[in-house]
Amino acid sequence: QVQLVESGGGLVQAGGSLRLSCAASGRTFSSYPMGWFRQAPGKEREFVARINWSESSTYYADTVKGRFTISRDNAKNTLFLQMNSLKPEDTAVYYCAVKLGVYSDSDKQYAYWGQGTQVTVSS
């Protein structure tokens, strides 16, 4: 059974940093793009960042460009999200997933969602 498990969330003040991890098991995803999404209460899940099998190929939502960095360790089948200069608007449950579709970064193109990790940024 494929399983993705997020960790590293927590409570941080605005301007602080957190590093999220996503450990995958059941399959190796080194050749697949992987991404981070987030969902705040009462809002739809939104795309945050994506990384392709090439570690130099990344894409970010405009809201996090320059502040977040996505990376991966293929040997350990693990995905990371370094979040700096956090803002209260970043408060959400953060999810990792595997990109199986090819058309966009809509959540419809991703699968194997993790359980999520809560990130709360206080002002």
C-alpha atoms as a PDB file:
ATOM      1  CA  GLN A   1       0.000   0.000   0.000  1.00  0.00           C
ATOM      2  CA  VAL A   2       1.360   3.404  -1.009  1.00  0.00           C
ATOM      3  CA  GLN A   3       1.538   5.827   1.878  1.00  0.00           C
ATOM      4  CA  LEU A   4       2.781   9.394   2.237  1.00  0.00           C
ATOM      5  CA  VAL A   5       3.283  10.825   5.722  1.00  0.00           C
ATOM      6  CA  GLU A   6       3.810  14.531   6.343  1.00  0.00           C
ATOM      7  CA  SER A   7       5.578  15.901   9.397  1.00  0.00           C
ATOM      8  CA  GLY A   8       7.285  19.034  10.644  1.00  0.00           C
ATOM      9  CA  GLY A   9       4.326  21.343  11.096  1.00  0.00           C
ATOM     10  CA  GLY A  10       3.750  23.425  14.174  1.00  0.00           C
ATOM     11  CA  LEU A  11       3.137  26.865  15.591  1.00  0.00           C
ATOM     12  CA  VAL A  12       5.469  29.675  14.575  1.00  0.00           C
ATOM     13  CA  GLN A  13       5.408  33.460  14.722  1.00  0.00           C
ATOM     14  CA  ALA A  14       5.237  35.543  11.575  1.00  0.00           C
ATOM     15  CA  GLY A  15       8.662  35.794   9.996  1.00  0.00           C
ATOM     16  CA  GLY A  16       9.734  32.424  11.316  1.00  0.00           C
ATOM     17  CA  SER A  17      10.606  29.221   9.510  1.00  0.00           C
ATOM     18  CA  LEU A  18       9.508  25.608   9.361  1.00  0.00           C
ATOM     19  CA  ARG A  19      10.716  22.607   7.402  1.00  0.00           C
ATOM     20  CA  LEU A  20       8.132  20.050   6.359  1.00  0.00           C
ATOM     21  CA  SER A  21       8.947  16.479   5.409  1.00  0.00           C
ATOM     22  CA  CYS A  22       6.983  13.921   3.424  1.00  0.00           C
ATOM     23  CA  ALA A  23       8.083  10.311   3.708  1.00  0.00           C
ATOM     24  CA  ALA A  24       6.806   7.942   1.036  1.00  0.00           C
ATOM     25  CA  SER A  25       6.568   4.178   1.301  1.00  0.00           C
ATOM     26  CA  GLY A  26       5.183   1.333  -0.752  1.00  0.00           C
ATOM     27  CA  ARG A  27       6.615   2.663  -4.013  1.00  0.00           C
ATOM     28  CA  THR A  28       9.604   4.639  -5.195  1.00  0.00           C
ATOM     29  CA  PHE A  29       8.660   8.011  -6.682  1.00  0.00           C
ATOM     30  CA  SER A  30      12.065   9.180  -7.859  1.00  0.00           C
ATOM     31  CA  SER A  31      10.847   9.488 -11.458  1.00  0.00           C
ATOM     32  CA  TYR A  32       7.594  11.292 -10.602  1.00  0.00           C
ATOM     33  CA  PRO A  33       6.960  14.953  -9.930  1.00  0.00           C
ATOM     34  CA  MET A  34       5.831  15.573  -6.385  1.00  0.00           C
ATOM     35  CA  GLY A  35       4.113  18.536  -4.852  1.00  0.00           C
ATOM     36  CA  TRP A  36       2.871  20.332  -1.774  1.00  0.00           C
ATOM     37  CA  PHE A  37      -0.643  21.659  -1.342  1.00  0.00           C
ATOM     38  CA  ARG A  38      -2.325  23.421   1.542  1.00  0.00           C
ATOM     39  CA  GLN A  39      -5.855  23.912   2.771  1.00  0.00           C
ATOM     40  CA  ALA A  40      -7.090  26.495   5.236  1.00  0.00           C
ATOM     41  CA  PRO A  41     -10.418  26.132   7.072  1.00  0.00           C
ATOM     42  CA  GLY A  42     -13.320  26.975   4.811  1.00  0.00           C
ATOM     43  CA  LYS A  43     -11.111  27.207   1.725  1.00  0.00           C
ATOM     44  CA  GLU A  44     -10.297  24.875  -1.136  1.00  0.00           C
ATOM     45  CA  ARG A  45      -7.014  23.049  -1.341  1.00  0.00           C
ATOM     46  CA  GLU A  46      -4.455  25.129  -3.228  1.00  0.00           C
ATOM     47  CA  PHE A  47      -1.200  24.360  -4.972  1.00  0.00           C
ATOM     48  CA  VAL A  48       1.997  25.428  -3.221  1.00  0.00           C
ATOM     49  CA  ALA A  49       5.006  23.925  -5.004  1.00  0.00           C
ATOM     50  CA  ARG A  50       6.115  21.131  -7.309  1.00  0.00           C
ATOM     51  CA  ILE A  51       9.441  19.441  -8.009  1.00  0.00           C
ATOM     52  CA  ASN A  52      10.182  17.158 -10.937  1.00  0.00           C
ATOM     53  CA  TRP A  53      12.558  14.207 -10.942  1.00  0.00           C
ATOM     54  CA  SER A  54      15.292  16.707 -11.773  1.00  0.00           C
ATOM     55  CA  GLU A  55      15.950  18.594  -8.559  1.00  0.00           C
ATOM     56  CA  SER A  56      16.608  21.785 -10.507  1.00  0.00           C
ATOM     57  CA  SER A  57      13.113  21.770 -12.030  1.00  0.00           C
ATOM     58  CA  THR A  58      10.709  23.418  -9.607  1.00  0.00           C
ATOM     59  CA  TYR A  59       7.577  25.533  -9.734  1.00  0.00           C
ATOM     60  CA  TYR A  60       5.948  27.666  -7.039  1.00  0.00           C
ATOM     61  CA  ALA A  61       2.679  29.409  -6.498  1.00  0.00           C
ATOM     62  CA  ASP A  62       3.047  33.184  -6.685  1.00  0.00           C
ATOM     63  CA  THR A  63       2.054  33.473  -3.040  1.00  0.00           C
ATOM     64  CA  VAL A  64       5.139  31.584  -1.842  1.00  0.00           C
ATOM     65  CA  LYS A  65       7.803  32.441  -4.421  1.00  0.00           C
ATOM     66  CA  GLY A  66      11.009  33.615  -2.795  1.00  0.00           C
ATOM     67  CA  ARG A  67       9.954  32.284   0.604  1.00  0.00           C
ATOM     68  CA  PHE A  68       9.459  28.524   0.169  1.00  0.00           C
ATOM     69  CA  THR A  69      11.871  25.973  -1.271  1.00  0.00           C
ATOM     70  CA  ILE A  70      10.850  22.491  -2.348  1.00  0.00           C
ATOM     71  CA  SER A  71      13.440  19.715  -2.489  1.00  0.00           C
ATOM     72  CA  ARG A  72      13.641  15.949  -2.511  1.00  0.00           C
ATOM     73  CA  ASP A  73      15.940  13.139  -1.464  1.00  0.00           C
ATOM     74  CA  ASN A  74      15.250  10.375  -3.946  1.00  0.00           C
ATOM     75  CA  ALA A  75      17.501   7.906  -2.155  1.00  0.00           C
ATOM     76  CA  LYS A  76      15.267   8.210   0.904  1.00  0.00           C
ATOM     77  CA  ASN A  77      12.030   8.664  -1.047  1.00  0.00           C
ATOM     78  CA  THR A  78      11.388  11.865   0.871  1.00  0.00           C
ATOM     79  CA  LEU A  79      10.053  15.290  -0.089  1.00  0.00           C
ATOM     80  CA  PHE A  80      10.754  18.529   1.793  1.00  0.00           C
ATOM     81  CA  LEU A  81       9.359  22.031   1.969  1.00  0.00           C
ATOM     82  CA  GLN A  82      11.500  24.718   3.579  1.00  0.00           C
ATOM     83  CA  MET A  83       9.255  27.617   4.554  1.00  0.00           C
ATOM     84  CA  ASN A  84      10.845  30.942   5.457  1.00  0.00           C
ATOM     85  CA  SER A  85       9.395  34.364   6.209  1.00  0.00           C
ATOM     86  CA  LEU A  86       6.111  32.773   7.167  1.00  0.00           C
ATOM     87  CA  LYS A  87       2.961  34.867   7.166  1.00  0.00           C
ATOM     88  CA  PRO A  88      -0.372  34.351   8.937  1.00  0.00           C
ATOM     89  CA  GLU A  89      -1.864  33.708   5.497  1.00  0.00           C
ATOM     90  CA  ASP A  90       0.305  30.574   5.301  1.00  0.00           C
ATOM     91  CA  THR A  91      -1.712  28.977   8.094  1.00  0.00           C
ATOM     92  CA  ALA A  92      -3.179  25.748   6.738  1.00  0.00           C
ATOM     93  CA  VAL A  93      -2.920  21.997   6.706  1.00  0.00           C
ATOM     94  CA  TYR A  94      -0.109  21.090   4.327  1.00  0.00           C
ATOM     95  CA  TYR A  95      -0.313  17.972   2.186  1.00  0.00           C
ATOM     96  CA  CYS A  96       2.160  16.221  -0.072  1.00  0.00           C
ATOM     97  CA  ALA A  97       1.196  14.182  -3.110  1.00  0.00           C
ATOM     98  CA  VAL A  98       2.497  12.535  -6.256  1.00  0.00           C
ATOM     99  CA  LYS A  99       1.782  14.112  -9.638  1.00  0.00           C
ATOM    100  CA  LEU A 100       0.384  11.538 -12.046  1.00  0.00           C
ATOM    101  CA  GLY A 101      -1.319  13.911 -14.473  1.00  0.00           C
ATOM    102  CA  VAL A 102       0.494  16.090 -16.989  1.00  0.00           C
ATOM    103  CA  TYR A 103      -1.830  18.992 -17.747  1.00  0.00           C
ATOM    104  CA  SER A 104      -1.657  21.299 -14.747  1.00  0.00           C
ATOM    105  CA  ASP A 105      -0.959  21.564 -11.029  1.00  0.00           C
ATOM    106  CA  SER A 106      -4.597  21.191 -10.131  1.00  0.00           C
ATOM    107  CA  ASP A 107      -5.073  18.785  -7.252  1.00  0.00           C
ATOM    108  CA  LYS A 108      -6.946  16.592  -9.749  1.00  0.00           C
ATOM    109  CA  GLN A 109      -3.546  15.746 -11.278  1.00  0.00           C
ATOM    110  CA  TYR A 110      -2.152  14.391  -7.994  1.00  0.00           C
ATOM    111  CA  ALA A 111      -2.668  11.207  -6.041  1.00  0.00           C
ATOM    112  CA  TYR A 112      -1.533   9.393  -2.894  1.00  0.00           C
ATOM    113  CA  TRP A 113      -2.277  12.273  -0.565  1.00  0.00           C
ATOM    114  CA  GLY A 114      -0.783  12.224   2.883  1.00  0.00           C
ATOM    115  CA  GLN A 115      -2.710  12.912   6.067  1.00  0.00           C
ATOM    116  CA  GLY A 116      -1.447  16.480   6.276  1.00  0.00           C
ATOM    117  CA  THR A 117       0.489  18.450   8.861  1.00  0.00           C
ATOM    118  CA  GLN A 118      -0.828  21.600  10.518  1.00  0.00           C
ATOM    119  CA  VAL A 119       1.090  24.844  10.102  1.00  0.00           C
ATOM    120  CA  THR A 120      -0.081  27.774  12.201  1.00  0.00           C
ATOM    121  CA  VAL A 121       1.533  31.198  11.856  1.00  0.00           C
ATOM    122  CA  SER A 122       0.693  33.780  14.489  1.00  0.00           C
ATOM    123  CA  SER A 123       0.893  37.520  13.914  1.00  0.00           C
END
